[in-house]
Amino acid sequence: MIISPEKILLGKNTDIYNKKIFLVSGNEETYIKKIEKKISSNLFQNKKNQITRMPERAVVNRNTINSFINTLFHTFKTFVFYNPKDIDFDFLKIINDGDLSVIICLTDQKNQNKLIKSLEKEKNFAVIKCYKLSPEIKKLYFDSFLSKHSICLDKEGYWFFLDNASNYYQLFENEMSKLLLVNLKKTSINEIKLLIARSENHEIEKLFFLILKNPKEIILRTSRTINSESDSYILLQRVKFFTELLTRFRTIGETTNAFPKYLFREKPSFLLILNKINSKKILKIFSLIKKTEITLRKQGAFYNPICQRFMINLSRSIK
């Protein structure tokens, strides 16, 4: 059964929590993480389920789950898997334990698309696909947020926000939250421009270009810019974006044409990185991203030193 992510976050499909298996997939990791936390939270509230987050790449099968159940002193249980190495879907299809729920998050969908499609028809499965926000979905979330907090915008400010706010879920949520800082009966476009001026988000993505700098500057800038766990995930997203940009096109001209125009000041640095990069270094960068994602999921409270170490290792990987 396919469930749209907005129905989950807006609480429009409470029947979903009667499902046993939740498959959350896509290429927008901040969205996937938000959906996973929302589902886990609701299962905890509705069923008093104890949440057990498994190690990255853990195999999803009867033995893995039973080994944990037998060592835990609780009746209700929810297991969360991130990018499992293997999934025994035949086992998941026959689960009859009324208290057991399994959430599987797939950010790496290689060879999984056909299987995911086949599971969309399974009654026991809720399949949620998370990609960058479309203008229509952004509007849906924004209208709900304004209504919930009784915020009134003039027409110009309303459409300026929607046109300029990020398409990445966590960034979009952060930008909406800024509106709560304005204590006005009606917020105009001028206040909106000040609030969602993308300097904060730009500062995070500009950290990518620090890989050309020395470790001291990397530590200072990262410490000043990364102020929350969500910031660290945004950093990973943007590093992944720029790395994919370095590999997607055949010529320098194609690559630079695809480079974001609003980052024109960073273009010389990007070209320097482009000249240094090769396939071996690209593989190293993707390996670092994956390793950092795993570390953040296990030790998210230490997001700042994790990001500092990530950026320093990233810098070393291209030199």
C-alpha atoms as a PDB file:
ATOM      1  CA  MET A   1       0.000   0.000   0.000  1.00  0.00           C
ATOM      2  CA  ILE A   2       1.457   3.348  -1.024  1.00  0.00           C
ATOM      3  CA  ILE A   3       1.166   6.118   1.565  1.00  0.00           C
ATOM      4  CA  SER A   4       2.179   9.682   0.712  1.00  0.00           C
ATOM      5  CA  PRO A   5       4.652  11.184   3.223  1.00  0.00           C
ATOM      6  CA  GLU A   6       2.588  14.376   3.613  1.00  0.00           C
ATOM      7  CA  LYS A   7      -0.368  12.354   4.920  1.00  0.00           C
ATOM      8  CA  ILE A   8       1.866  10.958   7.648  1.00  0.00           C
ATOM      9  CA  LEU A   9       3.348  14.302   8.713  1.00  0.00           C
ATOM     10  CA  LEU A  10      -0.027  16.060   8.573  1.00  0.00           C
ATOM     11  CA  GLY A  11      -1.755  13.252  10.483  1.00  0.00           C
ATOM     12  CA  LYS A  12      -4.271  12.522   7.717  1.00  0.00           C
ATOM     13  CA  ASN A  13      -3.874   8.743   7.686  1.00  0.00           C
ATOM     14  CA  THR A  14      -3.921   7.311  11.210  1.00  0.00           C
ATOM     15  CA  ASP A  15      -4.933   3.852   9.896  1.00  0.00           C
ATOM     16  CA  ILE A  16      -1.366   3.454   8.697  1.00  0.00           C
ATOM     17  CA  TYR A  17      -0.266   2.531  12.228  1.00  0.00           C
ATOM     18  CA  ASN A  18      -2.203  -0.726  11.963  1.00  0.00           C
ATOM     19  CA  LYS A  19       0.363  -1.853   9.398  1.00  0.00           C
ATOM     20  CA  LYS A  20       3.207  -4.173  10.378  1.00  0.00           C
ATOM     21  CA  ILE A  21       5.906  -3.119   7.923  1.00  0.00           C
ATOM     22  CA  PHE A  22       6.899   0.402   6.888  1.00  0.00           C
ATOM     23  CA  LEU A  23       9.212   0.802   3.898  1.00  0.00           C
ATOM     24  CA  VAL A  24      10.516   4.381   3.638  1.00  0.00           C
ATOM     25  CA  SER A  25      12.594   4.931   0.502  1.00  0.00           C
ATOM     26  CA  GLY A  26      13.886   7.692  -1.765  1.00  0.00           C
ATOM     27  CA  ASN A  27      16.851  10.008  -2.238  1.00  0.00           C
ATOM     28  CA  GLU A  28      15.938  12.796   0.197  1.00  0.00           C
ATOM     29  CA  GLU A  29      17.499  11.692   3.467  1.00  0.00           C
ATOM     30  CA  THR A  30      16.233  14.541   5.657  1.00  0.00           C
ATOM     31  CA  TYR A  31      12.684  13.677   4.545  1.00  0.00           C
ATOM     32  CA  ILE A  32      13.233   9.943   5.154  1.00  0.00           C
ATOM     33  CA  LYS A  33      14.600  10.659   8.629  1.00  0.00           C
ATOM     34  CA  LYS A  34      11.619  12.901   9.459  1.00  0.00           C
ATOM     35  CA  ILE A  35       9.117  10.256   8.304  1.00  0.00           C
ATOM     36  CA  GLU A  36      10.902   7.502  10.241  1.00  0.00           C
ATOM     37  CA  LYS A  37      10.856   9.570  13.441  1.00  0.00           C
ATOM     38  CA  LYS A  38       7.175  10.430  12.960  1.00  0.00           C
ATOM     39  CA  ILE A  39       6.211   6.774  12.464  1.00  0.00           C
ATOM     40  CA  SER A  40       8.352   5.650  15.422  1.00  0.00           C
ATOM     41  CA  SER A  41       6.868   8.366  17.636  1.00  0.00           C
ATOM     42  CA  ASN A  42       3.293   7.411  16.740  1.00  0.00           C
ATOM     43  CA  LEU A  43       3.919   3.701  17.255  1.00  0.00           C
ATOM     44  CA  PHE A  44       5.391   4.532  20.662  1.00  0.00           C
ATOM     45  CA  GLN A  45       2.414   6.711  21.608  1.00  0.00           C
ATOM     46  CA  ASN A  46      -0.304   4.435  20.200  1.00  0.00           C
ATOM     47  CA  LYS A  47       1.104   1.038  21.129  1.00  0.00           C
ATOM     48  CA  LYS A  48       3.715   1.981  23.741  1.00  0.00           C
ATOM     49  CA  ASN A  49       6.221   0.254  21.465  1.00  0.00           C
ATOM     50  CA  GLN A  50       9.848   0.161  22.543  1.00  0.00           C
ATOM     51  CA  ILE A  51      11.920   1.488  19.604  1.00  0.00           C
ATOM     52  CA  THR A  52      15.046  -0.500  18.713  1.00  0.00           C
ATOM     53  CA  ARG A  53      17.272   1.096  16.047  1.00  0.00           C
ATOM     54  CA  MET A  54      19.437  -1.530  14.454  1.00  0.00           C
ATOM     55  CA  PRO A  55      23.013  -1.003  13.243  1.00  0.00           C
ATOM     56  CA  GLU A  56      23.398   0.286   9.684  1.00  0.00           C
ATOM     57  CA  ARG A  57      23.285  -2.513   7.083  1.00  0.00           C
ATOM     58  CA  ALA A  58      21.874  -5.050   9.578  1.00  0.00           C
ATOM     59  CA  VAL A  59      20.097  -7.933   7.855  1.00  0.00           C
ATOM     60  CA  VAL A  60      16.296  -7.972   8.136  1.00  0.00           C
ATOM     61  CA  ASN A  61      15.234 -11.534   8.867  1.00  0.00           C
ATOM     62  CA  ARG A  62      13.690 -13.763  11.530  1.00  0.00           C
ATOM     63  CA  ASN A  63      16.992 -14.529  13.286  1.00  0.00           C
ATOM     64  CA  THR A  64      18.032 -10.860  13.626  1.00  0.00           C
ATOM     65  CA  ILE A  65      14.697  -9.775  15.083  1.00  0.00           C
ATOM     66  CA  ASN A  66      14.233 -12.820  17.337  1.00  0.00           C
ATOM     67  CA  SER A  67      17.730 -12.429  18.791  1.00  0.00           C
ATOM     68  CA  PHE A  68      16.800  -8.932  19.969  1.00  0.00           C
ATOM     69  CA  ILE A  69      13.317  -9.840  21.169  1.00  0.00           C
ATOM     70  CA  ASN A  70      14.750 -12.592  23.336  1.00  0.00           C
ATOM     71  CA  THR A  71      17.104 -10.170  25.087  1.00  0.00           C
ATOM     72  CA  LEU A  72      14.653  -7.307  25.692  1.00  0.00           C
ATOM     73  CA  PHE A  73      12.305  -7.043  28.649  1.00  0.00           C
ATOM     74  CA  HIS A  74       9.283  -5.624  26.892  1.00  0.00           C
ATOM     75  CA  THR A  75       6.209  -6.911  25.115  1.00  0.00           C
ATOM     76  CA  PHE A  76       5.792  -4.313  22.392  1.00  0.00           C
ATOM     77  CA  LYS A  77       8.522  -3.793  19.874  1.00  0.00           C
ATOM     78  CA  THR A  78       9.396  -1.698  16.827  1.00  0.00           C
ATOM     79  CA  PHE A  79      12.593  -2.281  14.878  1.00  0.00           C
ATOM     80  CA  VAL A  80      14.176   0.357  12.613  1.00  0.00           C
ATOM     81  CA  PHE A  81      16.633  -0.683   9.883  1.00  0.00           C
ATOM     82  CA  TYR A  82      18.727   1.687   7.734  1.00  0.00           C
ATOM     83  CA  ASN A  83      19.895   0.423   4.337  1.00  0.00           C
ATOM     84  CA  PRO A  84      19.892  -3.269   5.339  1.00  0.00           C
ATOM     85  CA  LYS A  85      22.353  -5.531   3.589  1.00  0.00           C
ATOM     86  CA  ASP A  86      19.594  -8.019   2.883  1.00  0.00           C
ATOM     87  CA  ILE A  87      15.825  -8.218   3.485  1.00  0.00           C
ATOM     88  CA  ASP A  88      13.842 -11.425   3.896  1.00  0.00           C
ATOM     89  CA  PHE A  89      10.540 -10.145   2.512  1.00  0.00           C
ATOM     90  CA  ASP A  90       8.967 -13.599   2.662  1.00  0.00           C
ATOM     91  CA  PHE A  91       9.446 -13.515   6.440  1.00  0.00           C
ATOM     92  CA  LEU A  92       8.035  -9.989   6.693  1.00  0.00           C
ATOM     93  CA  LYS A  93       4.940 -10.981   4.714  1.00  0.00           C
ATOM     94  CA  ILE A  94       3.974 -13.672   7.224  1.00  0.00           C
ATOM     95  CA  ILE A  95       4.608 -11.785  10.473  1.00  0.00           C
ATOM     96  CA  ASN A  96       1.598 -12.423  12.717  1.00  0.00           C
ATOM     97  CA  ASP A  97       2.891 -10.974  15.973  1.00  0.00           C
ATOM     98  CA  GLY A  98       0.344  -8.236  16.729  1.00  0.00           C
ATOM     99  CA  ASP A  99       2.892  -6.212  18.678  1.00  0.00           C
ATOM    100  CA  LEU A 100       5.766  -6.302  16.180  1.00  0.00           C
ATOM    101  CA  SER A 101       6.443  -3.452  13.718  1.00  0.00           C
ATOM    102  CA  VAL A 102       9.390  -3.074  11.340  1.00  0.00           C
ATOM    103  CA  ILE A 103      10.517   0.204   9.733  1.00  0.00           C
ATOM    104  CA  ILE A 104      12.990  -0.118   6.849  1.00  0.00           C
ATOM    105  CA  CYS A 105      14.658   3.049   5.526  1.00  0.00           C
ATOM    106  CA  LEU A 106      16.276   2.762   2.102  1.00  0.00           C
ATOM    107  CA  THR A 107      18.401   5.625   0.833  1.00  0.00           C
ATOM    108  CA  ASP A 108      20.376   3.243  -1.362  1.00  0.00           C
ATOM    109  CA  GLN A 109      17.799   1.833  -3.791  1.00  0.00           C
ATOM    110  CA  LYS A 110      20.089   0.012  -6.199  1.00  0.00           C
ATOM    111  CA  ASN A 111      18.394  -3.200  -7.351  1.00  0.00           C
ATOM    112  CA  GLN A 112      15.478  -2.489  -4.991  1.00  0.00           C
ATOM    113  CA  ASN A 113      13.044  -0.574  -7.217  1.00  0.00           C
ATOM    114  CA  LYS A 114      11.435  -3.670  -8.730  1.00  0.00           C
ATOM    115  CA  LEU A 115      11.010  -5.234  -5.308  1.00  0.00           C
ATOM    116  CA  ILE A 116       9.582  -2.035  -3.794  1.00  0.00           C
ATOM    117  CA  LYS A 117       7.045  -1.856  -6.612  1.00  0.00           C
ATOM    118  CA  SER A 118       5.902  -5.412  -5.908  1.00  0.00           C
ATOM    119  CA  LEU A 119       5.373  -4.574  -2.226  1.00  0.00           C
ATOM    120  CA  GLU A 120       3.065  -1.667  -2.975  1.00  0.00           C
ATOM    121  CA  LYS A 121       0.212  -4.176  -3.355  1.00  0.00           C
ATOM    122  CA  GLU A 122       0.879  -5.952  -0.050  1.00  0.00           C
ATOM    123  CA  LYS A 123      -1.759  -5.158   2.586  1.00  0.00           C
ATOM    124  CA  ASN A 124       0.653  -5.490   5.478  1.00  0.00           C
ATOM    125  CA  PHE A 125       3.131  -3.026   4.009  1.00  0.00           C
ATOM    126  CA  ALA A 126       3.073   0.772   4.017  1.00  0.00           C
ATOM    127  CA  VAL A 127       5.382   2.040   1.262  1.00  0.00           C
ATOM    128  CA  ILE A 128       6.405   5.704   1.636  1.00  0.00           C
ATOM    129  CA  LYS A 129       8.545   7.392  -1.028  1.00  0.00           C
ATOM    130  CA  CYS A 130      10.528  10.505  -0.105  1.00  0.00           C
ATOM    131  CA  TYR A 131      11.931  12.864  -2.723  1.00  0.00           C
ATOM    132  CA  LYS A 132      12.541  16.602  -2.878  1.00  0.00           C
ATOM    133  CA  LEU A 133       9.419  18.646  -2.207  1.00  0.00           C
ATOM    134  CA  SER A 134       7.349  19.678  -5.217  1.00  0.00           C
ATOM    135  CA  PRO A 135       5.738  23.168  -5.243  1.00  0.00           C
ATOM    136  CA  GLU A 136       2.345  21.562  -4.536  1.00  0.00           C
ATOM    137  CA  ILE A 137       3.593  19.624  -1.497  1.00  0.00           C
ATOM    138  CA  LYS A 138       5.444  22.672  -0.156  1.00  0.00           C
ATOM    139  CA  LYS A 139       2.187  24.614  -0.389  1.00  0.00           C
ATOM    140  CA  LEU A 140       0.342  21.855   1.465  1.00  0.00           C
ATOM    141  CA  TYR A 141       2.839  21.882   4.349  1.00  0.00           C
ATOM    142  CA  PHE A 142       3.008  25.675   4.397  1.00  0.00           C
ATOM    143  CA  ASP A 143      -0.775  26.149   4.509  1.00  0.00           C
ATOM    144  CA  SER A 144      -1.016  23.651   7.374  1.00  0.00           C
ATOM    145  CA  PHE A 145       1.801  25.416   9.268  1.00  0.00           C
ATOM    146  CA  LEU A 146       0.216  28.877   8.861  1.00  0.00           C
ATOM    147  CA  SER A 147      -3.168  27.584   9.996  1.00  0.00           C
ATOM    148  CA  LYS A 148      -1.749  25.725  12.996  1.00  0.00           C
ATOM    149  CA  HIS A 149       0.142  28.782  14.270  1.00  0.00           C
ATOM    150  CA  SER A 150      -2.455  31.385  13.190  1.00  0.00           C
ATOM    151  CA  ILE A 151       0.119  33.207  11.052  1.00  0.00           C
ATOM    152  CA  CYS A 152      -1.142  35.646   8.440  1.00  0.00           C
ATOM    153  CA  LEU A 153       0.952  36.666   5.438  1.00  0.00           C
ATOM    154  CA  ASP A 154       0.128  39.132   2.721  1.00  0.00           C
ATOM    155  CA  LYS A 155      -0.264  37.581  -0.744  1.00  0.00           C
ATOM    156  CA  GLU A 156       3.108  38.783  -1.993  1.00  0.00           C
ATOM    157  CA  GLY A 157       4.937  37.482   1.082  1.00  0.00           C
ATOM    158  CA  TYR A 158       3.121  34.146   0.892  1.00  0.00           C
ATOM    159  CA  TRP A 159       4.175  33.417  -2.684  1.00  0.00           C
ATOM    160  CA  PHE A 160       7.688  34.800  -2.174  1.00  0.00           C
ATOM    161  CA  PHE A 161       8.191  32.305   0.645  1.00  0.00           C
ATOM    162  CA  LEU A 162       6.966  29.347  -1.396  1.00  0.00           C
ATOM    163  CA  ASP A 163       9.064  30.330  -4.427  1.00  0.00           C
ATOM    164  CA  ASN A 164      12.250  30.806  -2.435  1.00  0.00           C
ATOM    165  CA  ALA A 165      12.095  28.253   0.386  1.00  0.00           C
ATOM    166  CA  SER A 166      14.176  25.095  -0.018  1.00  0.00           C
ATOM    167  CA  ASN A 167      12.901  21.901  -1.659  1.00  0.00           C
ATOM    168  CA  TYR A 168      14.720  19.815   0.965  1.00  0.00           C
ATOM    169  CA  TYR A 169      12.356  18.930   3.785  1.00  0.00           C
ATOM    170  CA  GLN A 170      14.536  19.816   6.773  1.00  0.00           C
ATOM    171  CA  LEU A 171      15.611  23.120   5.260  1.00  0.00           C
ATOM    172  CA  PHE A 172      11.988  23.915   4.406  1.00  0.00           C
ATOM    173  CA  GLU A 173      10.858  23.103   7.953  1.00  0.00           C
ATOM    174  CA  ASN A 174      13.653  25.266   9.397  1.00  0.00           C
ATOM    175  CA  GLU A 175      12.587  28.182   7.196  1.00  0.00           C
ATOM    176  CA  MET A 176       8.934  27.853   8.237  1.00  0.00           C
ATOM    177  CA  SER A 177       9.978  27.827  11.896  1.00  0.00           C
ATOM    178  CA  LYS A 178      11.623  31.223  11.454  1.00  0.00           C
ATOM    179  CA  LEU A 179       8.173  32.739  10.937  1.00  0.00           C
ATOM    180  CA  LEU A 180       7.408  32.007  14.584  1.00  0.00           C
ATOM    181  CA  LEU A 181      10.071  34.549  15.494  1.00  0.00           C
ATOM    182  CA  VAL A 182       8.030  37.375  13.986  1.00  0.00           C
ATOM    183  CA  ASN A 183       5.507  38.764  16.439  1.00  0.00           C
ATOM    184  CA  LEU A 184       3.326  40.648  13.950  1.00  0.00           C
ATOM    185  CA  LYS A 185      -0.385  40.409  13.139  1.00  0.00           C
ATOM    186  CA  LYS A 186       0.401  40.305   9.441  1.00  0.00           C
ATOM    187  CA  THR A 187       3.842  39.588   8.023  1.00  0.00           C
ATOM    188  CA  SER A 188       4.779  41.311   4.771  1.00  0.00           C
ATOM    189  CA  ILE A 189       7.195  40.375   2.024  1.00  0.00           C
ATOM    190  CA  ASN A 190       9.902  42.585   3.550  1.00  0.00           C
ATOM    191  CA  GLU A 191       9.936  40.573   6.789  1.00  0.00           C
ATOM    192  CA  ILE A 192       9.836  37.333   4.773  1.00  0.00           C
ATOM    193  CA  LYS A 193      12.871  38.392   2.748  1.00  0.00           C
ATOM    194  CA  LEU A 194      14.805  39.075   5.930  1.00  0.00           C
ATOM    195  CA  LEU A 195      13.763  35.786   7.505  1.00  0.00           C
ATOM    196  CA  ILE A 196      14.438  33.377   4.677  1.00  0.00           C
ATOM    197  CA  ALA A 197      17.392  35.146   3.171  1.00  0.00           C
ATOM    198  CA  ARG A 198      19.323  32.047   2.406  1.00  0.00           C
ATOM    199  CA  SER A 199      22.507  33.164   4.104  1.00  0.00           C
ATOM    200  CA  GLU A 200      22.126  30.572   6.852  1.00  0.00           C
ATOM    201  CA  ASN A 201      21.552  27.707   4.426  1.00  0.00           C
ATOM    202  CA  HIS A 202      24.177  29.032   2.024  1.00  0.00           C
ATOM    203  CA  GLU A 203      26.705  29.090   4.852  1.00  0.00           C
ATOM    204  CA  ILE A 204      26.130  25.374   5.406  1.00  0.00           C
ATOM    205  CA  GLU A 205      26.598  24.448   1.751  1.00  0.00           C
ATOM    206  CA  LYS A 206      29.580  26.789   1.428  1.00  0.00           C
ATOM    207  CA  LEU A 207      31.391  24.541   3.911  1.00  0.00           C
ATOM    208  CA  PHE A 208      31.974  22.145   1.013  1.00  0.00           C
ATOM    209  CA  PHE A 209      34.493  24.569  -0.472  1.00  0.00           C
ATOM    210  CA  LEU A 210      36.512  24.510   2.760  1.00  0.00           C
ATOM    211  CA  ILE A 211      38.073  21.259   1.589  1.00  0.00           C
ATOM    212  CA  LEU A 212      40.661  23.477  -0.103  1.00  0.00           C
ATOM    213  CA  LYS A 213      41.530  25.153   3.213  1.00  0.00           C
ATOM    214  CA  ASN A 214      43.692  24.169   6.179  1.00  0.00           C
ATOM    215  CA  PRO A 215      42.307  22.114   9.131  1.00  0.00           C
ATOM    216  CA  LYS A 216      42.249  25.091  11.494  1.00  0.00           C
ATOM    217  CA  GLU A 217      39.929  27.111   9.244  1.00  0.00           C
ATOM    218  CA  ILE A 218      37.767  24.037   8.638  1.00  0.00           C
ATOM    219  CA  ILE A 219      37.302  23.511  12.393  1.00  0.00           C
ATOM    220  CA  LEU A 220      36.521  27.180  13.083  1.00  0.00           C
ATOM    221  CA  ARG A 221      33.992  27.613  10.233  1.00  0.00           C
ATOM    222  CA  THR A 222      32.294  24.253  10.812  1.00  0.00           C
ATOM    223  CA  SER A 223      31.971  24.928  14.538  1.00  0.00           C
ATOM    224  CA  ARG A 224      30.399  28.316  13.835  1.00  0.00           C
ATOM    225  CA  THR A 225      27.995  27.109  11.125  1.00  0.00           C
ATOM    226  CA  ILE A 226      26.752  23.680  12.243  1.00  0.00           C
ATOM    227  CA  ASN A 227      24.433  24.369  15.176  1.00  0.00           C
ATOM    228  CA  SER A 228      22.192  21.292  15.270  1.00  0.00           C
ATOM    229  CA  GLU A 229      21.971  17.667  14.236  1.00  0.00           C
ATOM    230  CA  SER A 230      19.697  18.658  11.324  1.00  0.00           C
ATOM    231  CA  ASP A 231      22.393  21.094  10.119  1.00  0.00           C
ATOM    232  CA  SER A 232      24.809  18.171   9.961  1.00  0.00           C
ATOM    233  CA  TYR A 233      22.430  16.181   7.734  1.00  0.00           C
ATOM    234  CA  ILE A 234      21.998  19.221   5.491  1.00  0.00           C
ATOM    235  CA  LEU A 235      25.788  19.446   5.197  1.00  0.00           C
ATOM    236  CA  LEU A 236      25.944  15.802   4.123  1.00  0.00           C
ATOM    237  CA  GLN A 237      23.188  16.399   1.569  1.00  0.00           C
ATOM    238  CA  ARG A 238      25.019  19.355   0.026  1.00  0.00           C
ATOM    239  CA  VAL A 239      28.385  17.581  -0.044  1.00  0.00           C
ATOM    240  CA  LYS A 240      26.650  14.698  -1.808  1.00  0.00           C
ATOM    241  CA  PHE A 241      25.045  17.147  -4.253  1.00  0.00           C
ATOM    242  CA  PHE A 242      28.355  18.803  -5.197  1.00  0.00           C
ATOM    243  CA  THR A 243      30.125  15.434  -5.438  1.00  0.00           C
ATOM    244  CA  GLU A 244      27.446  14.135  -7.805  1.00  0.00           C
ATOM    245  CA  LEU A 245      27.827  17.349  -9.798  1.00  0.00           C
ATOM    246  CA  LEU A 246      31.528  16.558 -10.195  1.00  0.00           C
ATOM    247  CA  THR A 247      30.722  13.143 -11.653  1.00  0.00           C
ATOM    248  CA  ARG A 248      27.485  13.643 -13.606  1.00  0.00           C
ATOM    249  CA  PHE A 249      28.742  15.443 -16.722  1.00  0.00           C
ATOM    250  CA  ARG A 250      31.343  14.587 -19.350  1.00  0.00           C
ATOM    251  CA  THR A 251      32.852  18.025 -19.941  1.00  0.00           C
ATOM    252  CA  ILE A 252      33.982  20.913 -17.737  1.00  0.00           C
ATOM    253  CA  GLY A 253      31.543  23.182 -19.574  1.00  0.00           C
ATOM    254  CA  GLU A 254      28.547  20.954 -18.777  1.00  0.00           C
ATOM    255  CA  THR A 255      29.596  20.675 -15.127  1.00  0.00           C
ATOM    256  CA  THR A 256      30.086  24.405 -14.607  1.00  0.00           C
ATOM    257  CA  ASN A 257      26.825  25.221 -16.408  1.00  0.00           C
ATOM    258  CA  ALA A 258      24.998  23.021 -13.897  1.00  0.00           C
ATOM    259  CA  PHE A 259      26.753  24.712 -10.949  1.00  0.00           C
ATOM    260  CA  PRO A 260      24.236  26.809  -8.908  1.00  0.00           C
ATOM    261  CA  LYS A 261      24.299  30.388 -10.196  1.00  0.00           C
ATOM    262  CA  TYR A 262      23.695  31.901  -6.751  1.00  0.00           C
ATOM    263  CA  LEU A 263      27.061  30.461  -5.646  1.00  0.00           C
ATOM    264  CA  PHE A 264      28.978  32.362  -8.328  1.00  0.00           C
ATOM    265  CA  ARG A 265      31.569  33.521  -5.762  1.00  0.00           C
ATOM    266  CA  GLU A 266      32.454  29.879  -5.046  1.00  0.00           C
ATOM    267  CA  LYS A 267      32.839  28.906  -8.706  1.00  0.00           C
ATOM    268  CA  PRO A 268      36.660  29.363  -8.795  1.00  0.00           C
ATOM    269  CA  SER A 269      36.979  27.033  -5.796  1.00  0.00           C
ATOM    270  CA  PHE A 270      34.669  24.535  -7.469  1.00  0.00           C
ATOM    271  CA  LEU A 271      36.856  24.555 -10.592  1.00  0.00           C
ATOM    272  CA  LEU A 272      39.954  23.934  -8.469  1.00  0.00           C
ATOM    273  CA  ILE A 273      38.250  20.932  -6.878  1.00  0.00           C
ATOM    274  CA  LEU A 274      37.144  19.728 -10.321  1.00  0.00           C
ATOM    275  CA  ASN A 275      40.767  19.776 -11.508  1.00  0.00           C
ATOM    276  CA  LYS A 276      41.905  17.743  -8.490  1.00  0.00           C
ATOM    277  CA  ILE A 277      39.172  15.112  -8.565  1.00  0.00           C
ATOM    278  CA  ASN A 278      39.300  11.616 -10.056  1.00  0.00           C
ATOM    279  CA  SER A 279      37.226   8.430  -9.776  1.00  0.00           C
ATOM    280  CA  LYS A 280      39.310   7.049  -6.903  1.00  0.00           C
ATOM    281  CA  LYS A 281      38.835  10.246  -4.882  1.00  0.00           C
ATOM    282  CA  ILE A 282      35.100  10.291  -5.664  1.00  0.00           C
ATOM    283  CA  LEU A 283      34.742   6.788  -4.205  1.00  0.00           C
ATOM    284  CA  LYS A 284      36.595   7.952  -1.086  1.00  0.00           C
ATOM    285  CA  ILE A 285      34.207  10.895  -0.676  1.00  0.00           C
ATOM    286  CA  PHE A 286      31.094   8.731  -0.994  1.00  0.00           C
ATOM    287  CA  SER A 287      32.593   6.279   1.496  1.00  0.00           C
ATOM    288  CA  LEU A 288      33.200   9.154   3.935  1.00  0.00           C
ATOM    289  CA  ILE A 289      29.606  10.387   3.527  1.00  0.00           C
ATOM    290  CA  LYS A 290      28.234   6.922   4.263  1.00  0.00           C
ATOM    291  CA  LYS A 291      30.502   6.432   7.282  1.00  0.00           C
ATOM    292  CA  THR A 292      29.516   9.856   8.666  1.00  0.00           C
ATOM    293  CA  GLU A 293      25.792   9.122   8.219  1.00  0.00           C
ATOM    294  CA  ILE A 294      26.178   5.941  10.266  1.00  0.00           C
ATOM    295  CA  THR A 295      28.104   7.777  12.997  1.00  0.00           C
ATOM    296  CA  LEU A 296      25.489  10.550  13.189  1.00  0.00           C
ATOM    297  CA  ARG A 297      22.673   8.036  13.582  1.00  0.00           C
ATOM    298  CA  LYS A 298      24.513   6.399  16.465  1.00  0.00           C
ATOM    299  CA  GLN A 299      25.957   9.523  18.109  1.00  0.00           C
ATOM    300  CA  GLY A 300      23.904  12.465  16.819  1.00  0.00           C
ATOM    301  CA  ALA A 301      24.465  14.479  20.007  1.00  0.00           C
ATOM    302  CA  PHE A 302      28.120  14.873  18.962  1.00  0.00           C
ATOM    303  CA  TYR A 303      27.204  16.367  15.574  1.00  0.00           C
ATOM    304  CA  ASN A 304      29.810  19.159  15.716  1.00  0.00           C
ATOM    305  CA  PRO A 305      32.994  17.102  16.200  1.00  0.00           C
ATOM    306  CA  ILE A 306      31.597  14.510  13.778  1.00  0.00           C
ATOM    307  CA  CYS A 307      31.153  17.198  11.098  1.00  0.00           C
ATOM    308  CA  GLN A 308      34.572  18.690  11.807  1.00  0.00           C
ATOM    309  CA  ARG A 309      36.235  15.305  11.403  1.00  0.00           C
ATOM    310  CA  PHE A 310      34.193  14.645   8.265  1.00  0.00           C
ATOM    311  CA  MET A 311      35.286  17.928   6.665  1.00  0.00           C
ATOM    312  CA  ILE A 312      38.947  17.420   7.538  1.00  0.00           C
ATOM    313  CA  ASN A 313      38.899  13.886   6.104  1.00  0.00           C
ATOM    314  CA  LEU A 314      37.086  15.215   3.045  1.00  0.00           C
ATOM    315  CA  SER A 315      39.842  17.780   2.562  1.00  0.00           C
ATOM    316  CA  ARG A 316      42.512  15.091   2.836  1.00  0.00           C
ATOM    317  CA  SER A 317      40.720  12.858   0.363  1.00  0.00           C
ATOM    318  CA  ILE A 318      41.163  15.275  -2.556  1.00  0.00           C
ATOM    319  CA  LYS A 319      44.758  16.268  -1.880  1.00  0.00           C
END
